[in-house]
């Protein structure tokens, strides 16, 4: 199972191993038990501007977008 980062406003950050379907649900802080939100970081864009014909607008599973020529779709 994947590991996700969460941030408690009182205690700081921690990691949780959980199913993908539960990744966006708040997690209980292991120190205080309070709810903690998942930390999300946007990946940097690689390459230049994309056109509408390269598949950039196609949403894959879990809301991922694929660019034309990506290795996972070829």
N, C-alpha and C. Protein backbone atom coordinates (compact mmCIF):
# COMPACT_ATOMS: atom_id res chain seq x y z
N UNK A 1 0.84 -1.18 0.00
CA UNK A 1 0.00 0.00 0.00
C UNK A 1 0.89 1.25 0.00
N UNK A 2 0.40 2.33 -0.59
CA UNK A 2 1.19 3.56 -0.66
C UNK A 2 1.25 4.27 0.69
N UNK A 3 2.27 5.11 0.83
CA UNK A 3 2.46 5.94 2.02
C UNK A 3 2.10 7.37 1.66
N UNK A 4 1.28 8.02 2.49
CA UNK A 4 0.86 9.40 2.26
C UNK A 4 1.29 10.27 3.42
N UNK A 5 1.57 11.55 3.13
CA UNK A 5 1.96 12.52 4.14
C UNK A 5 0.73 13.30 4.61
N UNK A 6 0.64 13.49 5.91
CA UNK A 6 -0.44 14.27 6.52
C UNK A 6 0.17 15.31 7.44
N UNK A 7 -0.57 16.39 7.71
CA UNK A 7 -0.06 17.47 8.54
C UNK A 7 -1.08 17.84 9.60
N UNK A 8 -0.70 17.65 10.87
CA UNK A 8 -1.53 18.05 12.01
C UNK A 8 -1.17 19.50 12.34
N UNK A 9 -2.17 20.36 12.50
CA UNK A 9 -1.90 21.77 12.78
C UNK A 9 -1.22 21.96 14.13
N UNK A 10 -1.40 21.04 15.06
CA UNK A 10 -0.79 21.16 16.38
C UNK A 10 0.55 20.43 16.50
N UNK A 11 0.68 19.27 15.88
CA UNK A 11 1.84 18.40 16.10
C UNK A 11 2.82 18.35 14.93
N UNK A 12 2.40 18.71 13.73
CA UNK A 12 3.28 18.65 12.57
C UNK A 12 2.97 17.49 11.65
N UNK A 13 3.94 17.16 10.82
CA UNK A 13 3.72 16.14 9.79
C UNK A 13 3.98 14.73 10.25
N UNK A 14 3.33 13.78 9.56
CA UNK A 14 3.52 12.35 9.79
C UNK A 14 3.08 11.59 8.55
N UNK A 15 3.46 10.32 8.46
CA UNK A 15 3.12 9.47 7.32
C UNK A 15 2.13 8.39 7.73
N UNK A 16 1.29 8.00 6.76
CA UNK A 16 0.31 6.94 7.00
C UNK A 16 0.30 6.00 5.79
N UNK A 17 0.30 4.71 6.04
CA UNK A 17 0.14 3.71 4.99
C UNK A 17 -1.35 3.40 4.91
N UNK A 18 -1.92 3.65 3.72
CA UNK A 18 -3.36 3.39 3.55
C UNK A 18 -3.70 3.15 2.10
N UNK A 19 -4.92 2.68 1.88
CA UNK A 19 -5.38 2.39 0.52
C UNK A 19 -5.56 3.68 -0.27
N UNK A 20 -5.43 3.57 -1.58
CA UNK A 20 -5.59 4.72 -2.46
C UNK A 20 -6.97 5.35 -2.29
N UNK A 21 -8.00 4.55 -2.12
CA UNK A 21 -9.36 5.06 -1.98
C UNK A 21 -9.52 5.92 -0.74
N UNK A 22 -8.65 5.77 0.25
CA UNK A 22 -8.74 6.53 1.50
C UNK A 22 -7.75 7.69 1.57
N UNK A 23 -6.98 7.91 0.51
CA UNK A 23 -5.88 8.86 0.57
C UNK A 23 -6.30 10.29 0.90
N UNK A 24 -7.47 10.74 0.45
CA UNK A 24 -7.89 12.11 0.68
C UNK A 24 -8.69 12.29 1.97
N UNK A 25 -9.03 11.19 2.64
CA UNK A 25 -9.75 11.28 3.91
C UNK A 25 -8.79 11.77 4.99
N UNK A 26 -9.26 12.61 5.90
CA UNK A 26 -8.39 13.04 7.01
C UNK A 26 -7.94 11.82 7.82
N UNK A 27 -6.75 11.93 8.39
CA UNK A 27 -6.21 10.85 9.21
C UNK A 27 -6.05 11.35 10.64
N UNK A 28 -6.19 10.46 11.59
CA UNK A 28 -6.00 10.83 13.00
C UNK A 28 -4.51 10.98 13.29
N UNK A 29 -4.15 12.08 13.91
CA UNK A 29 -2.76 12.33 14.29
C UNK A 29 -2.35 11.28 15.34
N UNK A 30 -1.17 10.65 15.16
CA UNK A 30 -0.74 9.62 16.11
C UNK A 30 -0.38 10.18 17.50
N UNK A 31 -0.14 11.50 17.59
CA UNK A 31 0.23 12.10 18.88
C UNK A 31 -0.96 12.62 19.66
N UNK A 32 -1.81 13.43 18.98
CA UNK A 32 -2.92 14.05 19.70
C UNK A 32 -4.29 13.47 19.34
N UNK A 33 -4.36 12.69 18.24
CA UNK A 33 -5.63 12.09 17.84
C UNK A 33 -6.52 13.01 17.03
N UNK A 34 -6.10 14.25 16.83
CA UNK A 34 -6.90 15.20 16.06
C UNK A 34 -6.86 14.91 14.57
N UNK A 35 -7.81 15.45 13.81
CA UNK A 35 -7.83 15.21 12.37
C UNK A 35 -6.70 15.96 11.67
N UNK A 36 -6.08 15.30 10.70
CA UNK A 36 -5.00 15.92 9.94
C UNK A 36 -5.29 15.77 8.46
N UNK A 37 -5.05 16.84 7.72
CA UNK A 37 -5.30 16.85 6.27
C UNK A 37 -4.09 16.28 5.53
N UNK A 38 -4.36 15.68 4.38
CA UNK A 38 -3.29 15.14 3.54
C UNK A 38 -2.50 16.28 2.93
N UNK A 39 -1.20 16.13 2.86
CA UNK A 39 -0.32 17.10 2.23
C UNK A 39 -0.25 16.76 0.75
N UNK A 40 -0.59 17.73 -0.10
CA UNK A 40 -0.50 17.52 -1.54
C UNK A 40 0.48 18.52 -2.13
N UNK A 41 1.30 18.04 -3.02
CA UNK A 41 2.30 18.87 -3.67
C UNK A 41 2.11 18.73 -5.17
N UNK A 42 2.00 19.85 -5.85
CA UNK A 42 1.83 19.82 -7.30
C UNK A 42 3.16 19.51 -7.96
N UNK A 43 3.15 18.61 -8.91
CA UNK A 43 4.36 18.28 -9.65
C UNK A 43 4.67 19.40 -10.64
N UNK A 44 5.94 19.68 -10.84
CA UNK A 44 6.30 20.74 -11.80
C UNK A 44 5.97 20.31 -13.22
N UNK A 45 5.67 21.28 -14.05
CA UNK A 45 5.38 21.02 -15.45
C UNK A 45 6.70 20.82 -16.19
N UNK A 46 6.74 19.82 -17.04
CA UNK A 46 7.94 19.55 -17.82
C UNK A 46 7.64 19.83 -19.27
N UNK A 47 8.49 20.59 -19.92
CA UNK A 47 8.29 20.89 -21.34
C UNK A 47 7.58 22.22 -21.52
N UNK A 48 7.25 22.50 -22.75
CA UNK A 48 6.62 23.77 -23.09
C UNK A 48 5.12 23.69 -23.06
N UNK A 49 4.50 24.65 -23.70
CA UNK A 49 3.04 24.72 -23.76
C UNK A 49 2.51 23.54 -24.57
N UNK A 50 1.34 23.09 -24.21
CA UNK A 50 0.76 21.95 -24.91
C UNK A 50 -0.41 22.39 -25.75
N UNK A 51 -0.63 21.67 -26.83
CA UNK A 51 -1.78 21.96 -27.67
C UNK A 51 -2.92 21.04 -27.28
N UNK A 52 -4.11 21.35 -27.78
CA UNK A 52 -5.27 20.54 -27.43
C UNK A 52 -5.24 19.16 -28.07
N UNK A 53 -4.38 18.96 -29.07
CA UNK A 53 -4.34 17.67 -29.75
C UNK A 53 -3.40 16.68 -29.09
N UNK A 54 -2.65 17.08 -28.02
CA UNK A 54 -1.67 16.16 -27.44
C UNK A 54 -2.22 15.33 -26.30
N UNK A 55 -3.51 15.45 -25.99
CA UNK A 55 -4.10 14.61 -24.96
C UNK A 55 -3.98 15.19 -23.56
N UNK A 56 -3.50 16.42 -23.41
CA UNK A 56 -3.31 17.01 -22.08
C UNK A 56 -4.62 17.14 -21.33
N UNK A 57 -5.73 17.25 -22.02
CA UNK A 57 -7.00 17.40 -21.34
C UNK A 57 -7.66 16.08 -20.98
N UNK A 58 -7.08 14.97 -21.40
CA UNK A 58 -7.66 13.66 -21.11
C UNK A 58 -7.37 13.27 -19.67
N UNK A 59 -8.40 13.07 -18.88
CA UNK A 59 -8.21 12.68 -17.48
C UNK A 59 -8.21 11.17 -17.38
N UNK A 60 -7.17 10.63 -16.78
CA UNK A 60 -7.08 9.19 -16.57
C UNK A 60 -7.70 8.84 -15.23
N UNK A 61 -7.38 7.66 -14.73
CA UNK A 61 -7.90 7.24 -13.44
C UNK A 61 -7.33 8.10 -12.33
N UNK A 62 -8.06 8.29 -11.29
CA UNK A 62 -7.67 9.10 -10.13
C UNK A 62 -7.39 10.55 -10.49
N UNK A 63 -7.96 11.05 -11.59
CA UNK A 63 -7.83 12.45 -11.95
C UNK A 63 -6.49 12.83 -12.54
N UNK A 64 -5.70 11.86 -12.95
CA UNK A 64 -4.40 12.17 -13.53
C UNK A 64 -4.57 12.57 -14.98
N UNK A 65 -3.80 13.57 -15.41
CA UNK A 65 -3.84 13.98 -16.80
C UNK A 65 -2.60 13.47 -17.51
N UNK A 66 -2.75 13.05 -18.74
CA UNK A 66 -1.64 12.51 -19.51
C UNK A 66 -1.34 13.42 -20.67
N UNK A 67 -0.08 13.60 -20.94
CA UNK A 67 0.35 14.40 -22.08
C UNK A 67 0.63 13.46 -23.25
N UNK A 68 0.51 13.98 -24.45
CA UNK A 68 0.80 13.17 -25.62
C UNK A 68 2.20 12.60 -25.57
N UNK A 69 2.35 11.34 -25.87
CA UNK A 69 3.66 10.71 -25.88
C UNK A 69 4.13 10.21 -24.54
N UNK A 70 3.28 10.26 -23.51
CA UNK A 70 3.71 9.74 -22.21
C UNK A 70 3.89 8.23 -22.31
N UNK A 71 4.82 7.69 -21.56
CA UNK A 71 5.15 6.28 -21.65
C UNK A 71 4.08 5.37 -21.08
N UNK A 72 3.25 5.87 -20.15
CA UNK A 72 2.23 5.00 -19.56
C UNK A 72 1.06 4.75 -20.50
N UNK A 73 0.87 5.58 -21.51
CA UNK A 73 -0.25 5.44 -22.42
C UNK A 73 0.13 4.82 -23.76
N UNK A 74 1.41 4.68 -24.01
CA UNK A 74 1.88 4.18 -25.31
C UNK A 74 2.01 2.68 -25.32
